[in-house]
All heavy atoms as atom14 arrays in JSON, in Angstrom:
{
  "sequence": "INTEEVKQGIELAHAAGKKVYLAFNLFAHDHEYVNMPRVSETIN",
  "atom14_mask": [
    [1, 1, 1, 1, 1, 1, 1, 1, 0, 0, 0, 0, 0, 0],
    [1, 1, 1, 1, 1, 1, 1, 1, 0, 0, 0, 0, 0, 0],
    [1, 1, 1, 1, 1, 1, 1, 0, 0, 0, 0, 0, 0, 0],
    [1, 1, 1, 1, 1, 1, 1, 1, 1, 0, 0, 0, 0, 0],
    [1, 1, 1, 1, 1, 1, 1, 1, 1, 0, 0, 0, 0, 0],
    [1, 1, 1, 1, 1, 1, 1, 0, 0, 0, 0, 0, 0, 0],
    [1, 1, 1, 1, 1, 1, 1, 1, 1, 0, 0, 0, 0, 0],
    [1, 1, 1, 1, 1, 1, 1, 1, 1, 0, 0, 0, 0, 0],
    [1, 1, 1, 1, 0, 0, 0, 0, 0, 0, 0, 0, 0, 0],
    [1, 1, 1, 1, 1, 1, 1, 1, 0, 0, 0, 0, 0, 0],
    [1, 1, 1, 1, 1, 1, 1, 1, 1, 0, 0, 0, 0, 0],
    [1, 1, 1, 1, 1, 1, 1, 1, 0, 0, 0, 0, 0, 0],
    [1, 1, 1, 1, 1, 0, 0, 0, 0, 0, 0, 0, 0, 0],
    [1, 1, 1, 1, 1, 1, 1, 1, 1, 1, 0, 0, 0, 0],
    [1, 1, 1, 1, 1, 0, 0, 0, 0, 0, 0, 0, 0, 0],
    [1, 1, 1, 1, 1, 0, 0, 0, 0, 0, 0, 0, 0, 0],
    [1, 1, 1, 1, 0, 0, 0, 0, 0, 0, 0, 0, 0, 0],
    [1, 1, 1, 1, 1, 1, 1, 1, 1, 0, 0, 0, 0, 0],
    [1, 1, 1, 1, 1, 1, 1, 1, 1, 0, 0, 0, 0, 0],
    [1, 1, 1, 1, 1, 1, 1, 0, 0, 0, 0, 0, 0, 0],
    [1, 1, 1, 1, 1, 1, 1, 1, 1, 1, 1, 1, 0, 0],
    [1, 1, 1, 1, 1, 1, 1, 1, 0, 0, 0, 0, 0, 0],
    [1, 1, 1, 1, 1, 0, 0, 0, 0, 0, 0, 0, 0, 0],
    [1, 1, 1, 1, 1, 1, 1, 1, 1, 1, 1, 0, 0, 0],
    [1, 1, 1, 1, 1, 1, 1, 1, 0, 0, 0, 0, 0, 0],
    [1, 1, 1, 1, 1, 1, 1, 1, 0, 0, 0, 0, 0, 0],
    [1, 1, 1, 1, 1, 1, 1, 1, 1, 1, 1, 0, 0, 0],
    [1, 1, 1, 1, 1, 0, 0, 0, 0, 0, 0, 0, 0, 0],
    [1, 1, 1, 1, 1, 1, 1, 1, 1, 1, 0, 0, 0, 0],
    [1, 1, 1, 1, 1, 1, 1, 1, 0, 0, 0, 0, 0, 0],
    [1, 1, 1, 1, 1, 1, 1, 1, 1, 1, 0, 0, 0, 0],
    [1, 1, 1, 1, 1, 1, 1, 1, 1, 0, 0, 0, 0, 0],
    [1, 1, 1, 1, 1, 1, 1, 1, 1, 1, 1, 1, 0, 0],
    [1, 1, 1, 1, 1, 1, 1, 0, 0, 0, 0, 0, 0, 0],
    [1, 1, 1, 1, 1, 1, 1, 1, 0, 0, 0, 0, 0, 0],
    [1, 1, 1, 1, 1, 1, 1, 1, 0, 0, 0, 0, 0, 0],
    [1, 1, 1, 1, 1, 1, 1, 0, 0, 0, 0, 0, 0, 0],
    [1, 1, 1, 1, 1, 1, 1, 1, 1, 1, 1, 0, 0, 0],
    [1, 1, 1, 1, 1, 1, 1, 0, 0, 0, 0, 0, 0, 0],
    [1, 1, 1, 1, 1, 1, 0, 0, 0, 0, 0, 0, 0, 0],
    [1, 1, 1, 1, 1, 1, 1, 1, 1, 0, 0, 0, 0, 0],
    [1, 1, 1, 1, 1, 1, 1, 0, 0, 0, 0, 0, 0, 0],
    [1, 1, 1, 1, 1, 1, 1, 1, 0, 0, 0, 0, 0, 0],
    [1, 1, 1, 1, 1, 1, 1, 1, 0, 0, 0, 0, 0, 0]
  ],
  "atom14_positions": [
    [[59.76, -43.99, -36.59], [60.12, -42.58, -36.68], [58.94, -41.74, -36.21], [57.79, -42.08, -36.44], [60.52, -42.22, -38.13], [61.24, -40.9, -38.23], [59.31, -42.28, -39.07], [61.94, -40.66, -39.56], [0.0, 0.0, 0.0], [0.0, 0.0, 0.0], [0.0, 0.0, 0.0], [0.0, 0.0, 0.0], [0.0, 0.0, 0.0], [0.0, 0.0, 0.0]],
    [[59.25, -40.65, -35.51], [58.16, -39.79, -35.02], [58.13, -38.48, -35.8], [58.98, -38.23, -36.67], [58.31, -39.53, -33.52], [59.64, -38.89, -33.15], [60.14, -37.99, -33.86], [60.22, -39.27, -32.03], [0.0, 0.0, 0.0], [0.0, 0.0, 0.0], [0.0, 0.0, 0.0], [0.0, 0.0, 0.0], [0.0, 0.0, 0.0], [0.0, 0.0, 0.0]],
    [[57.18, -37.63, -35.48], [56.98, -36.38, -36.22], [58.22, -35.51, -36.2], [58.61, -34.98, -37.26], [55.78, -35.63, -35.67], [54.61, -36.48, -35.74], [55.51, -34.36, -36.49], [0.0, 0.0, 0.0], [0.0, 0.0, 0.0], [0.0, 0.0, 0.0], [0.0, 0.0, 0.0], [0.0, 0.0, 0.0], [0.0, 0.0, 0.0], [0.0, 0.0, 0.0]],
    [[58.83, -35.34, -35.05], [60.0, -34.46, -34.96], [61.17, -35.01, -35.78], [61.93, -34.24, -36.4], [60.42, -34.27, -33.5], [59.45, -33.4, -32.69], [59.21, -32.03, -33.38], [60.19, -31.42, -33.82], [58.03, -31.63, -33.46], [0.0, 0.0, 0.0], [0.0, 0.0, 0.0], [0.0, 0.0, 0.0], [0.0, 0.0, 0.0], [0.0, 0.0, 0.0]],
    [[61.32, -36.33, -35.82], [62.41, -36.91, -36.61], [62.13, -36.76, -38.11], [63.07, -36.51, -38.88], [62.57, -38.39, -36.2], [63.18, -38.56, -34.83], [63.12, -40.0, -34.36], [62.2, -40.73, -34.78], [64.0, -40.39, -33.57], [0.0, 0.0, 0.0], [0.0, 0.0, 0.0], [0.0, 0.0, 0.0], [0.0, 0.0, 0.0], [0.0, 0.0, 0.0]],
    [[60.87, -36.91, -38.5], [60.52, -36.66, -39.9], [60.81, -35.22, -40.26], [61.33, -34.9, -41.35], [59.04, -37.02, -40.18], [58.67, -36.59, -41.6], [58.85, -38.56, -40.07], [0.0, 0.0, 0.0], [0.0, 0.0, 0.0], [0.0, 0.0, 0.0], [0.0, 0.0, 0.0], [0.0, 0.0, 0.0], [0.0, 0.0, 0.0], [0.0, 0.0, 0.0]],
    [[60.49, -34.31, -39.37], [60.75, -32.89, -39.56], [62.23, -32.66, -39.77], [62.65, -31.95, -40.72], [60.24, -32.08, -38.38], [60.49, -30.58, -38.45], [59.63, -29.91, -39.52], [59.75, -28.41, -39.43], [58.95, -27.75, -40.52], [0.0, 0.0, 0.0], [0.0, 0.0, 0.0], [0.0, 0.0, 0.0], [0.0, 0.0, 0.0], [0.0, 0.0, 0.0]],
    [[63.07, -33.24, -38.93], [64.51, -33.1, -39.08], [64.99, -33.71, -40.4], [65.85, -33.13, -41.09], [65.23, -33.81, -37.92], [65.07, -33.16, -36.57], [65.85, -33.94, -35.5], [67.05, -34.19, -35.63], [65.12, -34.34, -34.46], [0.0, 0.0, 0.0], [0.0, 0.0, 0.0], [0.0, 0.0, 0.0], [0.0, 0.0, 0.0], [0.0, 0.0, 0.0]],
    [[64.42, -34.87, -40.75], [64.81, -35.52, -42.0], [64.48, -34.66, -43.21], [65.26, -34.53, -44.16], [0.0, 0.0, 0.0], [0.0, 0.0, 0.0], [0.0, 0.0, 0.0], [0.0, 0.0, 0.0], [0.0, 0.0, 0.0], [0.0, 0.0, 0.0], [0.0, 0.0, 0.0], [0.0, 0.0, 0.0], [0.0, 0.0, 0.0], [0.0, 0.0, 0.0]],
    [[63.28, -34.07, -43.2], [62.86, -33.2, -44.3], [63.8, -31.96, -44.4], [64.21, -31.56, -45.51], [61.39, -32.76, -44.12], [60.48, -33.96, -44.34], [61.03, -31.63, -45.1], [59.01, -33.68, -44.08], [0.0, 0.0, 0.0], [0.0, 0.0, 0.0], [0.0, 0.0, 0.0], [0.0, 0.0, 0.0], [0.0, 0.0, 0.0], [0.0, 0.0, 0.0]],
    [[64.12, -31.37, -43.27], [65.01, -30.22, -43.29], [66.4, -30.58, -43.81], [66.99, -29.83, -44.59], [65.1, -29.62, -41.87], [63.8, -28.95, -41.45], [63.82, -28.49, -39.97], [64.78, -28.88, -39.26], [62.9, -27.74, -39.58], [0.0, 0.0, 0.0], [0.0, 0.0, 0.0], [0.0, 0.0, 0.0], [0.0, 0.0, 0.0], [0.0, 0.0, 0.0]],
    [[66.93, -31.75, -43.39], [68.23, -32.2, -43.89], [68.18, -32.45, -45.4], [69.08, -32.08, -46.13], [68.65, -33.47, -43.15], [69.08, -33.32, -41.69], [69.22, -34.66, -41.04], [70.4, -32.54, -41.61], [0.0, 0.0, 0.0], [0.0, 0.0, 0.0], [0.0, 0.0, 0.0], [0.0, 0.0, 0.0], [0.0, 0.0, 0.0], [0.0, 0.0, 0.0]],
    [[67.08, -33.1, -45.84], [66.94, -33.4, -47.25], [66.85, -32.13, -48.07], [67.51, -32.01, -49.1], [65.72, -34.29, -47.48], [0.0, 0.0, 0.0], [0.0, 0.0, 0.0], [0.0, 0.0, 0.0], [0.0, 0.0, 0.0], [0.0, 0.0, 0.0], [0.0, 0.0, 0.0], [0.0, 0.0, 0.0], [0.0, 0.0, 0.0], [0.0, 0.0, 0.0]],
    [[66.04, -31.2, -47.63], [65.89, -29.94, -48.37], [67.2, -29.18, -48.39], [67.53, -28.54, -49.45], [64.79, -29.08, -47.76], [63.41, -29.61, -48.01], [62.26, -29.11, -47.42], [62.98, -30.6, -48.86], [61.19, -29.75, -47.89], [61.61, -30.66, -48.75], [0.0, 0.0, 0.0], [0.0, 0.0, 0.0], [0.0, 0.0, 0.0], [0.0, 0.0, 0.0]],
    [[67.96, -29.21, -47.34], [69.26, -28.52, -47.32], [70.22, -29.15, -48.33], [71.12, -28.48, -48.85], [69.85, -28.57, -45.93], [0.0, 0.0, 0.0], [0.0, 0.0, 0.0], [0.0, 0.0, 0.0], [0.0, 0.0, 0.0], [0.0, 0.0, 0.0], [0.0, 0.0, 0.0], [0.0, 0.0, 0.0], [0.0, 0.0, 0.0], [0.0, 0.0, 0.0]],
    [[70.03, -30.46, -48.6], [70.89, -31.15, -49.57], [70.31, -31.13, -50.97], [70.85, -31.76, -51.88], [71.1, -32.61, -49.1], [0.0, 0.0, 0.0], [0.0, 0.0, 0.0], [0.0, 0.0, 0.0], [0.0, 0.0, 0.0], [0.0, 0.0, 0.0], [0.0, 0.0, 0.0], [0.0, 0.0, 0.0], [0.0, 0.0, 0.0], [0.0, 0.0, 0.0]],
    [[69.2, -30.43, -51.16], [68.58, -30.35, -52.49], [67.75, -31.58, -52.84], [67.47, -31.81, -54.03], [0.0, 0.0, 0.0], [0.0, 0.0, 0.0], [0.0, 0.0, 0.0], [0.0, 0.0, 0.0], [0.0, 0.0, 0.0], [0.0, 0.0, 0.0], [0.0, 0.0, 0.0], [0.0, 0.0, 0.0], [0.0, 0.0, 0.0], [0.0, 0.0, 0.0]],
    [[67.3, -32.33, -51.83], [66.49, -33.52, -52.07], [65.03, -33.24, -51.74], [64.71, -32.32, -50.97], [67.01, -34.69, -51.2], [68.5, -34.84, -51.12], [69.1, -35.3, -52.43], [70.59, -35.57, -52.28], [71.2, -36.04, -53.52], [0.0, 0.0, 0.0], [0.0, 0.0, 0.0], [0.0, 0.0, 0.0], [0.0, 0.0, 0.0], [0.0, 0.0, 0.0]],
    [[64.14, -34.08, -52.26], [62.73, -33.94, -51.97], [62.31, -35.04, -50.98], [62.95, -36.11, -50.88], [61.89, -34.06, -53.24], [62.1, -32.88, -54.19], [61.19, -33.02, -55.41], [61.34, -31.82, -56.33], [60.44, -31.92, -57.5], [0.0, 0.0, 0.0], [0.0, 0.0, 0.0], [0.0, 0.0, 0.0], [0.0, 0.0, 0.0], [0.0, 0.0, 0.0]],
    [[61.21, -34.78, -50.28], [60.68, -35.77, -49.36], [59.15, -35.9, -49.58], [58.45, -34.9, -49.62], [60.92, -35.4, -47.89], [60.3, -36.42, -46.95], [62.43, -35.29, -47.6], [0.0, 0.0, 0.0], [0.0, 0.0, 0.0], [0.0, 0.0, 0.0], [0.0, 0.0, 0.0], [0.0, 0.0, 0.0], [0.0, 0.0, 0.0], [0.0, 0.0, 0.0]],
    [[58.7, -37.13, -49.75], [57.29, -37.43, -49.93], [56.75, -38.13, -48.71], [57.39, -39.09, -48.22], [57.06, -38.31, -51.2], [57.79, -37.78, -52.42], [58.5, -38.62, -53.25], [57.78, -36.42, -52.71], [59.14, -38.17, -54.37], [58.44, -35.93, -53.84], [59.13, -36.81, -54.65], [59.79, -36.31, -55.75], [0.0, 0.0, 0.0], [0.0, 0.0, 0.0]],
    [[55.61, -37.68, -48.22], [55.03, -38.25, -47.01], [53.94, -39.24, -47.38], [52.96, -38.91, -48.06], [54.46, -37.14, -46.15], [54.06, -37.53, -44.71], [55.26, -37.98, -43.92], [53.37, -36.35, -44.05], [0.0, 0.0, 0.0], [0.0, 0.0, 0.0], [0.0, 0.0, 0.0], [0.0, 0.0, 0.0], [0.0, 0.0, 0.0], [0.0, 0.0, 0.0]],
    [[54.12, -40.5, -46.94], [53.12, -41.52, -47.22], [51.86, -41.31, -46.38], [51.93, -41.21, -45.15], [53.69, -42.89, -46.91], [0.0, 0.0, 0.0], [0.0, 0.0, 0.0], [0.0, 0.0, 0.0], [0.0, 0.0, 0.0], [0.0, 0.0, 0.0], [0.0, 0.0, 0.0], [0.0, 0.0, 0.0], [0.0, 0.0, 0.0], [0.0, 0.0, 0.0]],
    [[50.75, -41.17, -47.05], [49.45, -40.96, -46.45], [48.48, -41.94, -47.09], [47.38, -41.58, -47.47], [49.02, -39.52, -46.67], [47.84, -39.05, -45.9], [47.43, -39.67, -44.73], [47.08, -37.98, -46.35], [46.32, -39.24, -44.05], [45.96, -37.52, -45.66], [45.57, -38.17, -44.51], [0.0, 0.0, 0.0], [0.0, 0.0, 0.0], [0.0, 0.0, 0.0]],
    [[48.94, -43.2, -47.27], [48.27, -44.15, -48.12], [47.41, -45.17, -47.4], [47.2, -46.28, -47.89], [49.28, -44.85, -49.04], [50.36, -45.59, -48.28], [50.53, -45.39, -47.07], [51.13, -46.41, -48.98], [0.0, 0.0, 0.0], [0.0, 0.0, 0.0], [0.0, 0.0, 0.0], [0.0, 0.0, 0.0], [0.0, 0.0, 0.0], [0.0, 0.0, 0.0]],
    [[46.92, -44.8, -46.23], [45.94, -45.67, -45.56], [44.61, -45.63, -46.3], [44.31, -44.67, -47.03], [45.74, -45.26, -44.12], [44.83, -44.04, -43.85], [44.51, -43.98, -42.37], [45.41, -42.75, -44.32], [0.0, 0.0, 0.0], [0.0, 0.0, 0.0], [0.0, 0.0, 0.0], [0.0, 0.0, 0.0], [0.0, 0.0, 0.0], [0.0, 0.0, 0.0]],
    [[43.82, -46.68, -46.11], [42.44, -46.67, -46.6], [41.57, -46.32, -45.38], [41.42, -47.1, -44.45], [42.03, -48.04, -47.18], [42.69, -48.3, -48.48], [43.87, -48.96, -48.54], [42.1, -47.86, -49.66], [44.51, -49.21, -49.78], [42.73, -48.08, -50.89], [43.95, -48.73, -50.95], [0.0, 0.0, 0.0], [0.0, 0.0, 0.0], [0.0, 0.0, 0.0]],
    [[41.01, -45.1, -45.39], [40.38, -44.54, -44.2], [38.92, -44.98, -44.05], [38.18, -45.02, -45.02], [40.47, -43.02, -44.26], [0.0, 0.0, 0.0], [0.0, 0.0, 0.0], [0.0, 0.0, 0.0], [0.0, 0.0, 0.0], [0.0, 0.0, 0.0], [0.0, 0.0, 0.0], [0.0, 0.0, 0.0], [0.0, 0.0, 0.0], [0.0, 0.0, 0.0]],
    [[38.55, -45.26, -42.82], [37.14, -45.46, -42.46], [36.56, -44.11, -42.06], [37.25, -43.17, -41.75], [37.04, -46.45, -41.29], [37.5, -47.85, -41.64], [36.62, -48.89, -41.83], [38.74, -48.37, -41.85], [37.29, -49.99, -42.11], [38.58, -49.7, -42.14], [0.0, 0.0, 0.0], [0.0, 0.0, 0.0], [0.0, 0.0, 0.0], [0.0, 0.0, 0.0]],
    [[35.25, -44.05, -42.05], [34.56, -42.78, -41.75], [35.02, -42.21, -40.4], [35.23, -40.98, -40.29], [33.04, -42.98, -41.75], [32.45, -42.91, -43.14], [33.01, -42.19, -43.99], [31.43, -43.58, -43.39], [0.0, 0.0, 0.0], [0.0, 0.0, 0.0], [0.0, 0.0, 0.0], [0.0, 0.0, 0.0], [0.0, 0.0, 0.0], [0.0, 0.0, 0.0]],
    [[35.13, -43.05, -39.4], [35.49, -42.55, -38.06], [36.86, -41.91, -38.04], [37.18, -41.11, -37.15], [35.35, -43.66, -37.03], [36.38, -44.75, -37.16], [37.65, -44.67, -36.65], [36.29, -45.95, -37.78], [38.32, -45.78, -36.93], [37.54, -46.58, -37.64], [0.0, 0.0, 0.0], [0.0, 0.0, 0.0], [0.0, 0.0, 0.0], [0.0, 0.0, 0.0]],
    [[37.71, -42.24, -39.01], [39.08, -41.71, -39.01], [39.14, -40.27, -39.51], [40.13, -39.57, -39.27], [40.01, -42.63, -39.8], [40.21, -43.96, -39.1], [41.0, -44.94, -39.92], [40.57, -45.28, -41.04], [42.1, -45.37, -39.46], [0.0, 0.0, 0.0], [0.0, 0.0, 0.0], [0.0, 0.0, 0.0], [0.0, 0.0, 0.0], [0.0, 0.0, 0.0]],
    [[38.11, -39.87, -40.21], [38.12, -38.48, -40.71], [37.98, -37.47, -39.56], [38.28, -36.3, -39.73], [37.01, -38.29, -41.76], [37.4, -38.83, -43.1], [37.2, -40.18, -43.41], [37.97, -38.01, -44.08], [37.54, -40.68, -44.66], [38.34, -38.52, -45.32], [38.12, -39.86, -45.6], [38.51, -40.35, -46.82], [0.0, 0.0, 0.0], [0.0, 0.0, 0.0]],
    [[37.55, -37.96, -38.41], [37.45, -37.08, -37.24], [38.88, -36.56, -36.87], [38.99, -35.42, -36.35], [36.86, -37.85, -36.04], [36.88, -36.98, -34.78], [35.43, -38.29, -36.37], [0.0, 0.0, 0.0], [0.0, 0.0, 0.0], [0.0, 0.0, 0.0], [0.0, 0.0, 0.0], [0.0, 0.0, 0.0], [0.0, 0.0, 0.0], [0.0, 0.0, 0.0]],
    [[39.89, -37.35, -37.17], [41.26, -36.97, -36.83], [41.93, -36.08, -37.87], [43.07, -35.68, -37.7], [42.12, -38.21, -36.62], [41.63, -39.09, -35.49], [41.21, -38.57, -34.44], [41.66, -40.4, -35.67], [0.0, 0.0, 0.0], [0.0, 0.0, 0.0], [0.0, 0.0, 0.0], [0.0, 0.0, 0.0], [0.0, 0.0, 0.0], [0.0, 0.0, 0.0]],
    [[41.24, -35.79, -38.97], [41.88, -35.06, -40.05], [42.36, -33.64, -39.69], [43.38, -33.2, -40.22], [40.93, -35.03, -41.26], [40.8, -36.36, -41.96], [42.38, -37.06, -42.46], [41.87, -38.6, -43.17], [0.0, 0.0, 0.0], [0.0, 0.0, 0.0], [0.0, 0.0, 0.0], [0.0, 0.0, 0.0], [0.0, 0.0, 0.0], [0.0, 0.0, 0.0]],
    [[41.71, -32.91, -38.8], [42.27, -31.62, -38.42], [43.69, -31.74, -37.84], [44.57, -30.93, -38.15], [41.27, -31.08, -37.4], [39.95, -31.69, -37.82], [40.33, -33.09, -38.26], [0.0, 0.0, 0.0], [0.0, 0.0, 0.0], [0.0, 0.0, 0.0], [0.0, 0.0, 0.0], [0.0, 0.0, 0.0], [0.0, 0.0, 0.0], [0.0, 0.0, 0.0]],
    [[43.91, -32.79, -37.03], [45.25, -33.01, -36.48], [46.22, -33.39, -37.57], [47.37, -32.95, -37.61], [45.17, -34.11, -35.42], [46.52, -34.46, -34.84], [46.43, -35.65, -33.88], [45.89, -36.85, -34.52], [46.63, -37.67, -35.23], [47.92, -37.44, -35.43], [46.1, -38.73, -35.81], [0.0, 0.0, 0.0], [0.0, 0.0, 0.0], [0.0, 0.0, 0.0]],
    [[45.77, -34.25, -38.52], [46.61, -34.64, -39.65], [47.0, -33.41, -40.47], [48.13, -33.25, -40.87], [45.85, -35.64, -40.54], [46.62, -35.9, -41.83], [45.67, -36.99, -39.78], [0.0, 0.0, 0.0], [0.0, 0.0, 0.0], [0.0, 0.0, 0.0], [0.0, 0.0, 0.0], [0.0, 0.0, 0.0], [0.0, 0.0, 0.0], [0.0, 0.0, 0.0]],
    [[46.03, -32.52, -40.68], [46.28, -31.32, -41.45], [47.36, -30.45, -40.79], [48.25, -29.91, -41.45], [44.97, -30.51, -41.6], [45.13, -29.5, -42.56], [0.0, 0.0, 0.0], [0.0, 0.0, 0.0], [0.0, 0.0, 0.0], [0.0, 0.0, 0.0], [0.0, 0.0, 0.0], [0.0, 0.0, 0.0], [0.0, 0.0, 0.0], [0.0, 0.0, 0.0]],
    [[47.28, -30.34, -39.46], [48.3, -29.58, -38.73], [49.68, -30.19, -38.92], [50.67, -29.48, -39.08], [47.94, -29.53, -37.25], [46.72, -28.7, -36.9], [46.35, -28.79, -35.44], [47.12, -29.46, -34.69], [45.35, -28.17, -35.04], [0.0, 0.0, 0.0], [0.0, 0.0, 0.0], [0.0, 0.0, 0.0], [0.0, 0.0, 0.0], [0.0, 0.0, 0.0]],
    [[49.74, -31.53, -38.88], [51.01, -32.21, -39.08], [51.59, -31.97, -40.47], [52.78, -31.71, -40.63], [50.83, -33.73, -38.85], [50.32, -33.95, -37.52], [52.17, -34.45, -38.97], [0.0, 0.0, 0.0], [0.0, 0.0, 0.0], [0.0, 0.0, 0.0], [0.0, 0.0, 0.0], [0.0, 0.0, 0.0], [0.0, 0.0, 0.0], [0.0, 0.0, 0.0]],
    [[50.72, -32.03, -41.48], [51.19, -31.76, -42.84], [51.72, -30.35, -42.98], [52.78, -30.11, -43.56], [50.03, -32.02, -43.83], [49.67, -33.5, -43.88], [50.4, -31.5, -45.24], [48.39, -33.8, -44.66], [0.0, 0.0, 0.0], [0.0, 0.0, 0.0], [0.0, 0.0, 0.0], [0.0, 0.0, 0.0], [0.0, 0.0, 0.0], [0.0, 0.0, 0.0]],
    [[51.02, -29.42, -42.4], [51.49, -28.0, -42.48], [52.79, -27.8, -41.74], [53.64, -27.01, -42.14], [50.41, -27.06, -41.86], [49.21, -26.92, -42.77], [49.32, -27.03, -43.98], [48.04, -26.66, -42.18], [0.0, 0.0, 0.0], [0.0, 0.0, 0.0], [0.0, 0.0, 0.0], [0.0, 0.0, 0.0], [0.0, 0.0, 0.0], [0.0, 0.0, 0.0]]
  ]
}
């Protein structure tokens, strides 16, 4: 599933009165925190 499909899924779920939780359960290495601004944009 890609970002746009997750977006559609969340909108459909919210329209039906359901909640959606986004898994962000990786164990991050230091170098991966460089990508966090992009991750933050995706979450927003």
